[in-house]
Amino acid sequence: MSDSVKKYYENKEEEEMSKIKELDNIADCVVDVMSEHLDHNIAWAVDDTVVDKLDGDDFTDAIHHIRQAVIYKLNTKYNR
């Protein structure tokens, strides 16, 4: 394979890696925003429920469980 052909394929690989890196950066930004929204929506959803009346570790554990359940359900929905 000639040097120019090798260089062509190397450039194509670099372009592809650059695109993947950009997609990952976009995903990271969306994760940050969605995490904030998830926290806000969980707080809204548990307001005036039995969860809202929990204290300390019980409250923290319930919120953690809800967060994990939401993420699991979203993952299941989009990865069928």
Protein backbone atom coordinates (compact mmCIF):
# COMPACT_ATOMS: atom_id res chain seq x y z
CA MET A 1 0.00 0.00 0.00
CA SER A 2 1.40 3.37 -0.95
CA ASP A 3 2.13 6.07 1.59
CA SER A 4 -0.59 8.30 0.18
CA VAL A 5 -3.19 5.54 0.56
CA LYS A 6 -2.05 4.86 4.12
CA LYS A 7 -2.27 8.57 4.91
CA TYR A 8 -5.77 8.71 3.43
CA TYR A 9 -6.99 5.90 5.68
CA GLU A 10 -5.23 7.38 8.71
CA ASN A 11 -6.99 10.69 8.09
CA LYS A 12 -10.35 8.93 7.75
CA GLU A 13 -9.79 7.13 11.07
CA GLU A 14 -8.84 10.42 12.77
CA GLU A 15 -11.97 12.11 11.38
CA GLU A 16 -14.12 9.25 12.64
CA MET A 17 -12.52 9.39 16.10
CA SER A 18 -13.05 13.15 16.17
CA LYS A 19 -16.75 12.68 15.37
CA ILE A 20 -17.10 10.06 18.09
CA LYS A 21 -15.36 12.34 20.59
CA GLU A 22 -17.72 15.19 19.68
CA LEU A 23 -20.75 12.91 20.09
CA ASP A 24 -19.45 11.85 23.51
CA ASN A 25 -18.99 15.49 24.54
CA ILE A 26 -22.56 16.26 23.49
CA ALA A 27 -23.80 13.23 25.44
CA ASP A 28 -21.88 14.39 28.52
CA CYS A 29 -23.56 17.80 28.34
CA VAL A 30 -26.99 16.23 27.95
CA VAL A 31 -26.31 13.92 30.91
CA ASP A 32 -25.52 16.92 33.11
CA VAL A 33 -28.74 18.68 32.12
CA MET A 34 -30.86 15.53 32.42
CA SER A 35 -29.40 14.76 35.84
CA GLU A 36 -30.51 18.18 37.09
CA HIS A 37 -33.95 17.69 35.55
CA LEU A 38 -34.22 14.22 37.04
CA ASP A 39 -33.39 15.52 40.52
CA HIS A 40 -35.93 18.33 40.13
CA ASN A 41 -38.65 16.01 38.84
CA ILE A 42 -38.08 13.42 41.55
CA ALA A 43 -38.33 16.17 44.18
CA TRP A 44 -41.57 17.35 42.57
CA ALA A 45 -42.97 13.80 42.28
CA VAL A 46 -42.32 12.86 45.92
CA ASP A 47 -43.76 16.09 47.32
CA ASP A 48 -46.60 15.24 49.74
CA THR A 49 -46.06 11.48 49.42
CA VAL A 50 -44.90 8.87 51.93
CA VAL A 51 -41.37 9.39 50.58
CA ASP A 52 -41.52 13.08 51.48
CA LYS A 53 -42.22 12.11 55.08
CA LEU A 54 -39.11 9.92 55.38
CA ASP A 55 -36.05 11.15 57.28
CA GLY A 56 -32.29 10.82 56.88
CA ASP A 57 -30.99 7.64 55.28
CA ASP A 58 -34.49 6.35 54.58
CA PHE A 59 -35.24 9.43 52.47
CA THR A 60 -31.85 9.25 50.73
CA ASP A 61 -32.29 5.54 50.00
CA ALA A 62 -35.79 6.09 48.59
CA ILE A 63 -34.59 8.89 46.30
CA HIS A 64 -31.66 6.72 45.18
CA HIS A 65 -34.04 3.85 44.43
CA ILE A 66 -36.36 6.11 42.42
CA ARG A 67 -33.42 7.53 40.45
CA GLN A 68 -32.15 4.03 39.62
CA ALA A 69 -35.64 2.87 38.65
CA VAL A 70 -36.11 5.83 36.29
CA ILE A 71 -32.74 5.26 34.64
CA TYR A 72 -33.41 1.53 34.32
CA LYS A 73 -36.80 2.17 32.73
CA LEU A 74 -35.37 4.71 30.30
CA ASN A 75 -32.57 2.32 29.39
CA THR A 76 -35.09 -0.46 28.80
CA LYS A 77 -37.31 1.83 26.72
CA TYR A 78 -34.53 2.96 24.40
CA ASN A 79 -32.56 -0.29 24.14
CA ARG A 80 -35.21 -2.79 23.13
